[in-house]
Amino acid sequence: MSDTPPDRLCASPGSPYFNEELLERGIGVRFKGEERNNVEEYCISEGWVRMAVGKTLDRKGRPMTIKVTGPVEVWFKDDNKEG
């Protein structure tokens, strides 16, 4: 498996950018210098993230999201583990 996270990834199974294997591995996202844990989708090259807004759900039961632009950094969380 590659050590470089994909340019774009989505947590929603209905998306063409969904990859369960990578999500199980663990993805860390830093947006505008702050680590975020509510990111539903990101795109590094276009510089945006889609984040959940509170606990509100849409009519299909998915989290309501907002798309925000800015610098995005992504890494695999299992890279931080030693040994």
PDB file of N, CA and C in Angstrom:
ATOM      1  N   MET A   1       0.841  -1.175   0.000  1.00  0.00           N
ATOM      2  CA  MET A   1       0.000   0.000   0.000  1.00  0.00           C
ATOM      3  C   MET A   1       0.889   1.243   0.000  1.00  0.00           C
ATOM      4  N   SER A   2       0.472   2.286  -0.676  1.00  0.00           N
ATOM      5  CA  SER A   2       1.236   3.510  -0.797  1.00  0.00           C
ATOM      6  C   SER A   2       1.328   4.245   0.538  1.00  0.00           C
ATOM      7  N   ASP A   3       2.425   4.965   0.732  1.00  0.00           N
ATOM      8  CA  ASP A   3       2.594   5.773   1.935  1.00  0.00           C
ATOM      9  C   ASP A   3       2.084   7.186   1.741  1.00  0.00           C
ATOM     10  N   THR A   4       1.585   7.494   0.552  1.00  0.00           N
ATOM     11  CA  THR A   4       1.053   8.817   0.260  1.00  0.00           C
ATOM     12  C   THR A   4      -0.473   8.756   0.219  1.00  0.00           C
ATOM     13  N   PRO A   5      -1.157   9.580   1.044  1.00  0.00           N
ATOM     14  CA  PRO A   5      -2.625   9.596   1.003  1.00  0.00           C
ATOM     15  C   PRO A   5      -3.121  10.107  -0.352  1.00  0.00           C
ATOM     16  N   PRO A   6      -4.322   9.727  -0.752  1.00  0.00           N
ATOM     17  CA  PRO A   6      -4.858  10.176  -2.037  1.00  0.00           C
ATOM     18  C   PRO A   6      -5.140  11.672  -2.029  1.00  0.00           C
ATOM     19  N   ASP A   7      -5.173  12.272  -3.216  1.00  0.00           N
ATOM     20  CA  ASP A   7      -5.463  13.697  -3.355  1.00  0.00           C
ATOM     21  C   ASP A   7      -6.873  14.018  -2.867  1.00  0.00           C
ATOM     22  N   ARG A   8      -7.795  13.079  -3.057  1.00  0.00           N
ATOM     23  CA  ARG A   8      -9.185  13.313  -2.654  1.00  0.00           C
ATOM     24  C   ARG A   8      -9.748  12.041  -2.040  1.00  0.00           C
ATOM     25  N   LEU A   9     -10.468  12.195  -0.933  1.00  0.00           N
ATOM     26  CA  LEU A   9     -11.048  11.054  -0.237  1.00  0.00           C
ATOM     27  C   LEU A   9     -12.346  11.484   0.426  1.00  0.00           C
ATOM     28  N   CYS A  10     -13.330  10.588   0.438  1.00  0.00           N
ATOM     29  CA  CYS A  10     -14.635  10.866   1.027  1.00  0.00           C
ATOM     30  C   CYS A  10     -15.035   9.728   1.959  1.00  0.00           C
ATOM     31  N   ALA A  11     -15.690  10.066   3.065  1.00  0.00           N
ATOM     32  CA  ALA A  11     -16.122   9.066   4.041  1.00  0.00           C
ATOM     33  C   ALA A  11     -17.494   8.475   3.701  1.00  0.00           C
ATOM     34  N   SER A  12     -18.173   9.011   2.704  1.00  0.00           N
ATOM     35  CA  SER A  12     -19.503   8.539   2.333  1.00  0.00           C
ATOM     36  C   SER A  12     -19.413   7.386   1.334  1.00  0.00           C
ATOM     37  N   PRO A  13     -20.009   6.220   1.651  1.00  0.00           N
ATOM     38  CA  PRO A  13     -19.934   5.059   0.751  1.00  0.00           C
ATOM     39  C   PRO A  13     -20.512   5.294  -0.647  1.00  0.00           C
ATOM     40  N   GLY A  14     -21.384   6.258  -0.820  1.00  0.00           N
ATOM     41  CA  GLY A  14     -21.980   6.526  -2.128  1.00  0.00           C
ATOM     42  C   GLY A  14     -21.099   7.347  -3.051  1.00  0.00           C
ATOM     43  N   SER A  15     -19.988   7.854  -2.557  1.00  0.00           N
ATOM     44  CA  SER A  15     -19.114   8.720  -3.340  1.00  0.00           C
ATOM     45  C   SER A  15     -18.125   7.903  -4.177  1.00  0.00           C
ATOM     46  N   PRO A  16     -17.766   8.398  -5.376  1.00  0.00           N
ATOM     47  CA  PRO A  16     -16.736   7.710  -6.167  1.00  0.00           C
ATOM     48  C   PRO A  16     -15.342   7.840  -5.531  1.00  0.00           C
ATOM     49  N   TYR A  17     -15.177   8.723  -4.549  1.00  0.00           N
ATOM     50  CA  TYR A  17     -13.889   8.927  -3.871  1.00  0.00           C
ATOM     51  C   TYR A  17     -13.805   8.176  -2.547  1.00  0.00           C
ATOM     52  N   PHE A  18     -14.756   7.304  -2.276  1.00  0.00           N
ATOM     53  CA  PHE A  18     -14.778   6.499  -1.058  1.00  0.00           C
ATOM     54  C   PHE A  18     -13.790   5.344  -1.198  1.00  0.00           C
ATOM     55  N   ASN A  19     -13.002   5.091  -0.121  1.00  0.00           N
ATOM     56  CA  ASN A  19     -12.075   3.967  -0.107  1.00  0.00           C
ATOM     57  C   ASN A  19     -12.017   3.436   1.327  1.00  0.00           C
ATOM     58  N   GLU A  20     -12.760   2.368   1.584  1.00  0.00           N
ATOM     59  CA  GLU A  20     -12.882   1.820   2.931  1.00  0.00           C
ATOM     60  C   GLU A  20     -11.534   1.378   3.504  1.00  0.00           C
ATOM     61  N   GLU A  21     -10.697   0.806   2.662  1.00  0.00           N
ATOM     62  CA  GLU A  21      -9.388   0.315   3.101  1.00  0.00           C
ATOM     63  C   GLU A  21      -8.530   1.452   3.669  1.00  0.00           C
ATOM     64  N   LEU A  22      -8.524   2.600   2.989  1.00  0.00           N
ATOM     65  CA  LEU A  22      -7.740   3.742   3.460  1.00  0.00           C
ATOM     66  C   LEU A  22      -8.347   4.347   4.727  1.00  0.00           C
ATOM     67  N   LEU A  23      -9.662   4.395   4.801  1.00  0.00           N
ATOM     68  CA  LEU A  23     -10.321   4.955   5.979  1.00  0.00           C
ATOM     69  C   LEU A  23     -10.059   4.101   7.216  1.00  0.00           C
ATOM     70  N   GLU A  24     -10.021   2.780   7.049  1.00  0.00           N
ATOM     71  CA  GLU A  24      -9.714   1.894   8.174  1.00  0.00           C
ATOM     72  C   GLU A  24      -8.270   2.075   8.635  1.00  0.00           C
ATOM     73  N   ARG A  25      -7.396   2.407   7.722  1.00  0.00           N
ATOM     74  CA  ARG A  25      -5.989   2.646   8.066  1.00  0.00           C
ATOM     75  C   ARG A  25      -5.853   3.889   8.949  1.00  0.00           C
ATOM     76  N   GLY A  26      -6.734   4.856   8.753  1.00  0.00           N
ATOM     77  CA  GLY A  26      -6.725   6.081   9.546  1.00  0.00           C
ATOM     78  C   GLY A  26      -6.098   7.237   8.794  1.00  0.00           C
ATOM     79  N   ILE A  27      -6.856   8.303   8.625  1.00  0.00           N
ATOM     80  CA  ILE A  27      -6.383   9.483   7.909  1.00  0.00           C
ATOM     81  C   ILE A  27      -6.439  10.668   8.872  1.00  0.00           C
ATOM     82  N   GLY A  28      -5.343  11.390   8.976  1.00  0.00           N
ATOM     83  CA  GLY A  28      -5.301  12.621   9.752  1.00  0.00           C
ATOM     84  C   GLY A  28      -5.412  13.800   8.806  1.00  0.00           C
ATOM     85  N   VAL A  29      -6.196  14.820   9.189  1.00  0.00           N
ATOM     86  CA  VAL A  29      -6.384  15.992   8.339  1.00  0.00           C
ATOM     87  C   VAL A  29      -6.105  17.251   9.158  1.00  0.00           C
ATOM     88  N   ARG A  30      -5.239  18.096   8.622  1.00  0.00           N
ATOM     89  CA  ARG A  30      -4.973  19.400   9.233  1.00  0.00           C
ATOM     90  C   ARG A  30      -5.460  20.440   8.240  1.00  0.00           C
ATOM     91  N   PHE A  31      -6.382  21.287   8.698  1.00  0.00           N
ATOM     92  CA  PHE A  31      -6.963  22.319   7.840  1.00  0.00           C
ATOM     93  C   PHE A  31      -6.662  23.676   8.460  1.00  0.00           C
ATOM     94  N   LYS A  32      -6.005  24.535   7.707  1.00  0.00           N
ATOM     95  CA  LYS A  32      -5.579  25.868   8.169  1.00  0.00           C
ATOM     96  C   LYS A  32      -4.767  25.766   9.456  1.00  0.00           C
ATOM     97  N   GLY A  33      -3.902  24.751   9.526  1.00  0.00           N
ATOM     98  CA  GLY A  33      -3.008  24.595  10.658  1.00  0.00           C
ATOM     99  C   GLY A  33      -3.601  23.941  11.887  1.00  0.00           C
ATOM    100  N   GLU A  34      -4.866  23.541  11.836  1.00  0.00           N
ATOM    101  CA  GLU A  34      -5.533  22.917  12.982  1.00  0.00           C
ATOM    102  C   GLU A  34      -5.996  21.513  12.608  1.00  0.00           C
ATOM    103  N   GLU A  35      -5.661  20.531  13.456  1.00  0.00           N
ATOM    104  CA  GLU A  35      -6.084  19.159  13.191  1.00  0.00           C
ATOM    105  C   GLU A  35      -7.594  19.042  13.389  1.00  0.00           C
ATOM    106  N   ARG A  36      -8.256  18.439  12.403  1.00  0.00           N
ATOM    107  CA  ARG A  36      -9.724  18.304  12.429  1.00  0.00           C
ATOM    108  C   ARG A  36     -10.127  16.848  12.464  1.00  0.00           C
ATOM    109  N   ASN A  37     -11.205  16.543  13.186  1.00  0.00           N
ATOM    110  CA  ASN A  37     -11.710  15.177  13.229  1.00  0.00           C
ATOM    111  C   ASN A  37     -13.143  15.083  12.709  1.00  0.00           C
ATOM    112  N   ASN A  38     -13.671  16.173  12.153  1.00  0.00           N
ATOM    113  CA  ASN A  38     -15.038  16.168  11.621  1.00  0.00           C
ATOM    114  C   ASN A  38     -15.077  16.341  10.098  1.00  0.00           C
ATOM    115  N   VAL A  39     -13.987  15.984   9.416  1.00  0.00           N
ATOM    116  CA  VAL A  39     -13.907  16.127   7.954  1.00  0.00           C
ATOM    117  C   VAL A  39     -14.575  14.922   7.295  1.00  0.00           C
ATOM    118  N   GLU A  40     -15.537  15.186   6.431  1.00  0.00           N
ATOM    119  CA  GLU A  40     -16.240  14.145   5.692  1.00  0.00           C
ATOM    120  C   GLU A  40     -15.587  13.880   4.335  1.00  0.00           C
ATOM    121  N   GLU A  41     -14.987  14.912   3.747  1.00  0.00           N
ATOM    122  CA  GLU A  41     -14.340  14.789   2.434  1.00  0.00           C
ATOM    123  C   GLU A  41     -13.275  15.870   2.322  1.00  0.00           C
ATOM    124  N   TYR A  42     -12.206  15.594   1.573  1.00  0.00           N
ATOM    125  CA  TYR A  42     -11.180  16.605   1.349  1.00  0.00           C
ATOM    126  C   TYR A  42     -10.628  16.490  -0.064  1.00  0.00           C
ATOM    127  N   CYS A  43     -10.011  17.576  -0.524  1.00  0.00           N
ATOM    128  CA  CYS A  43      -9.283  17.583  -1.793  1.00  0.00           C
ATOM    129  C   CYS A  43      -8.055  18.471  -1.602  1.00  0.00           C
ATOM    130  N   ILE A  44      -6.881  17.878  -1.654  1.00  0.00           N
ATOM    131  CA  ILE A  44      -5.637  18.610  -1.413  1.00  0.00           C
ATOM    132  C   ILE A  44      -5.347  19.586  -2.560  1.00  0.00           C
ATOM    133  N   SER A  45      -5.440  19.115  -3.809  1.00  0.00           N
ATOM    134  CA  SER A  45      -5.071  19.939  -4.964  1.00  0.00           C
ATOM    135  C   SER A  45      -5.982  21.156  -5.136  1.00  0.00           C
ATOM    136  N   GLU A  46      -7.269  21.018  -4.804  1.00  0.00           N
ATOM    137  CA  GLU A  46      -8.198  22.135  -4.931  1.00  0.00           C
ATOM    138  C   GLU A  46      -8.265  22.959  -3.651  1.00  0.00           C
ATOM    139  N   GLY A  47      -7.706  22.453  -2.544  1.00  0.00           N
ATOM    140  CA  GLY A  47      -7.625  23.199  -1.296  1.00  0.00           C
ATOM    141  C   GLY A  47      -8.952  23.403  -0.590  1.00  0.00           C
ATOM    142  N   TRP A  48      -9.678  22.317  -0.362  1.00  0.00           N
ATOM    143  CA  TRP A  48     -10.935  22.431   0.377  1.00  0.00           C
ATOM    144  C   TRP A  48     -11.212  21.186   1.199  1.00  0.00           C
ATOM    145  N   VAL A  49     -12.058  21.352   2.214  1.00  0.00           N
ATOM    146  CA  VAL A  49     -12.566  20.238   3.006  1.00  0.00           C
ATOM    147  C   VAL A  49     -14.069  20.408   3.148  1.00  0.00           C
ATOM    148  N   ARG A  50     -14.757  19.303   3.335  1.00  0.00           N
ATOM    149  CA  ARG A  50     -16.189  19.318   3.608  1.00  0.00           C
ATOM    150  C   ARG A  50     -16.334  18.755   5.020  1.00  0.00           C
ATOM    151  N   MET A  51     -16.807  19.617   5.949  1.00  0.00           N
ATOM    152  CA  MET A  51     -16.887  19.247   7.356  1.00  0.00           C
ATOM    153  C   MET A  51     -18.328  19.135   7.815  1.00  0.00           C
ATOM    154  N   ALA A  52     -18.545  18.236   8.763  1.00  0.00           N
ATOM    155  CA  ALA A  52     -19.865  18.066   9.359  1.00  0.00           C
ATOM    156  C   ALA A  52     -20.206  19.308  10.183  1.00  0.00           C
ATOM    157  N   VAL A  53     -21.489  19.704  10.131  1.00  0.00           N
ATOM    158  CA  VAL A  53     -21.969  20.853  10.884  1.00  0.00           C
ATOM    159  C   VAL A  53     -22.782  20.334  12.063  1.00  0.00           C
ATOM    160  N   GLY A  54     -22.180  20.314  13.227  1.00  0.00           N
ATOM    161  CA  GLY A  54     -22.873  19.842  14.428  1.00  0.00           C
ATOM    162  C   GLY A  54     -23.314  18.397  14.290  1.00  0.00           C
ATOM    163  N   LYS A  55     -24.463  18.087  14.887  1.00  0.00           N
ATOM    164  CA  LYS A  55     -25.000  16.728  14.831  1.00  0.00           C
ATOM    165  C   LYS A  55     -26.203  16.632  13.899  1.00  0.00           C
ATOM    166  N   THR A  56     -26.428  17.680  13.110  1.00  0.00           N
ATOM    167  CA  THR A  56     -27.569  17.736  12.211  1.00  0.00           C
ATOM    168  C   THR A  56     -27.398  16.746  11.065  1.00  0.00           C
ATOM    169  N   LEU A  57     -28.492  16.059  10.715  1.00  0.00           N
ATOM    170  CA  LEU A  57     -28.490  15.095   9.617  1.00  0.00           C
ATOM    171  C   LEU A  57     -29.398  15.574   8.497  1.00  0.00           C
ATOM    172  N   ASP A  58     -29.069  15.181   7.252  1.00  0.00           N
ATOM    173  CA  ASP A  58     -29.955  15.495   6.138  1.00  0.00           C
ATOM    174  C   ASP A  58     -31.074  14.459   6.082  1.00  0.00           C
ATOM    175  N   ARG A  59     -31.952  14.551   5.117  1.00  0.00           N
ATOM    176  CA  ARG A  59     -33.115  13.654   5.062  1.00  0.00           C
ATOM    177  C   ARG A  59     -32.760  12.208   4.770  1.00  0.00           C
ATOM    178  N   LYS A  60     -31.517  11.960   4.328  1.00  0.00           N
ATOM    179  CA  LYS A  60     -31.066  10.590   4.080  1.00  0.00           C
ATOM    180  C   LYS A  60     -30.243  10.035   5.236  1.00  0.00           C
ATOM    181  N   GLY A  61     -30.138  10.804   6.326  1.00  0.00           N
ATOM    182  CA  GLY A  61     -29.437  10.338   7.513  1.00  0.00           C
ATOM    183  C   GLY A  61     -27.945  10.579   7.515  1.00  0.00           C
ATOM    184  N   ARG A  62     -27.449  11.329   6.544  1.00  0.00           N
ATOM    185  CA  ARG A  62     -26.020  11.659   6.487  1.00  0.00           C
ATOM    186  C   ARG A  62     -25.792  13.005   7.181  1.00  0.00           C
ATOM    187  N   PRO A  63     -24.592  13.253   7.694  1.00  0.00           N
ATOM    188  CA  PRO A  63     -24.316  14.537   8.350  1.00  0.00           C
ATOM    189  C   PRO A  63     -24.429  15.702   7.373  1.00  0.00           C
ATOM    190  N   MET A  64     -24.998  16.819   7.856  1.00  0.00           N
ATOM    191  CA  MET A  64     -25.018  18.048   7.068  1.00  0.00           C
ATOM    192  C   MET A  64     -23.586  18.561   7.025  1.00  0.00           C
ATOM    193  N   THR A  65     -23.143  19.037   5.866  1.00  0.00           N
ATOM    194  CA  THR A  65     -21.759  19.474   5.710  1.00  0.00           C
ATOM    195  C   THR A  65     -21.677  20.874   5.131  1.00  0.00           C
ATOM    196  N   ILE A  66     -20.500  21.471   5.320  1.00  0.00           N
ATOM    197  CA  ILE A  66     -20.190  22.762   4.725  1.00  0.00           C
ATOM    198  C   ILE A  66     -18.818  22.639   4.065  1.00  0.00           C
ATOM    199  N   LYS A  67     -18.681  23.219   2.870  1.00  0.00           N
ATOM    200  CA  LYS A  67     -17.412  23.166   2.136  1.00  0.00           C
ATOM    201  C   LYS A  67     -16.643  24.454   2.430  1.00  0.00           C
ATOM    202  N   VAL A  68     -15.395  24.293   2.911  1.00  0.00           N
ATOM    203  CA  VAL A  68     -14.564  25.422   3.295  1.00  0.00           C
ATOM    204  C   VAL A  68     -13.225  25.316   2.569  1.00  0.00           C
ATOM    205  N   THR A  69     -12.720  26.442   2.061  1.00  0.00           N
ATOM    206  CA  THR A  69     -11.455  26.430   1.332  1.00  0.00           C
ATOM    207  C   THR A  69     -10.302  26.908   2.203  1.00  0.00           C
ATOM    208  N   GLY A  70      -9.116  26.386   1.910  1.00  0.00           N
ATOM    209  CA  GLY A  70      -7.905  26.750   2.631  1.00  0.00           C
ATOM    210  C   GLY A  70      -6.865  25.655   2.471  1.00  0.00           C
ATOM    211  N   PRO A  71      -5.689  25.842   3.085  1.00  0.00           N
ATOM    212  CA  PRO A  71      -4.628  24.834   2.968  1.00  0.00           C
ATOM    213  C   PRO A  71      -4.991  23.542   3.700  1.00  0.00           C
ATOM    214  N   VAL A  72      -4.762  22.409   3.020  1.00  0.00           N
ATOM    215  CA  VAL A  72      -5.106  21.092   3.555  1.00  0.00           C
ATOM    216  C   VAL A  72      -3.849  20.226   3.611  1.00  0.00           C
ATOM    217  N   GLU A  73      -3.593  19.615   4.771  1.00  0.00           N
ATOM    218  CA  GLU A  73      -2.505  18.654   4.929  1.00  0.00           C
ATOM    219  C   GLU A  73      -3.115  17.328   5.362  1.00  0.00           C
ATOM    220  N   VAL A  74      -2.634  16.220   4.784  1.00  0.00           N
ATOM    221  CA  VAL A  74      -3.199  14.903   5.070  1.00  0.00           C
ATOM    222  C   VAL A  74      -2.067  13.911   5.306  1.00  0.00           C
ATOM    223  N   TRP A  75      -2.273  12.979   6.260  1.00  0.00           N
ATOM    224  CA  TRP A  75      -1.289  11.943   6.539  1.00  0.00           C
ATOM    225  C   TRP A  75      -2.001  10.696   7.037  1.00  0.00           C
ATOM    226  N   PHE A  76      -1.303   9.577   6.997  1.00  0.00           N
ATOM    227  CA  PHE A  76      -1.834   8.334   7.557  1.00  0.00           C
ATOM    228  C   PHE A  76      -1.520   8.309   9.041  1.00  0.00           C
ATOM    229  N   LYS A  77      -2.515   8.060   9.858  1.00  0.00           N
ATOM    230  CA  LYS A  77      -2.320   8.051  11.307  1.00  0.00           C
ATOM    231  C   LYS A  77      -1.442   6.893  11.754  1.00  0.00           C
ATOM    232  N   ASP A  78      -1.444   5.767  11.037  1.00  0.00           N
ATOM    233  CA  ASP A  78      -0.622   4.629  11.444  1.00  0.00           C
ATOM    234  C   ASP A  78       0.866   4.891  11.220  1.00  0.00           C
ATOM    235  N   ASP A  79       1.237   5.953  10.495  1.00  0.00           N
ATOM    236  CA  ASP A  79       2.649   6.314  10.314  1.00  0.00           C
ATOM    237  C   ASP A  79       3.262   6.809  11.617  1.00  0.00           C
ATOM    238  N   ASN A  80       2.422   7.317  12.536  1.00  0.00           N
ATOM    239  CA  ASN A  80       2.914   7.847  13.811  1.00  0.00           C
ATOM    240  C   ASN A  80       3.243   6.748  14.809  1.00  0.00           C
ATOM    241  N   LYS A  81       2.761   5.527  14.576  1.00  0.00           N
ATOM    242  CA  LYS A  81       2.990   4.414  15.497  1.00  0.00           C
ATOM    243  C   LYS A  81       4.396   3.861  15.300  1.00  0.00           C
ATOM    244  N   GLU A  82       5.053   3.563  16.398  1.00  0.00           N
ATOM    245  CA  GLU A  82       6.393   2.989  16.312  1.00  0.00           C
ATOM    246  C   GLU A  82       6.322   1.489  16.509  1.00  0.00           C
ATOM    247  N   GLY A  83       7.139   0.781  15.722  1.00  0.00           N
ATOM    248  CA  GLY A  83       7.375  -0.609  15.874  1.00  0.00           C
ATOM    249  C   GLY A  83       6.340  -1.580  15.689  1.00  0.00           C
TER     250      GLY A  83
END
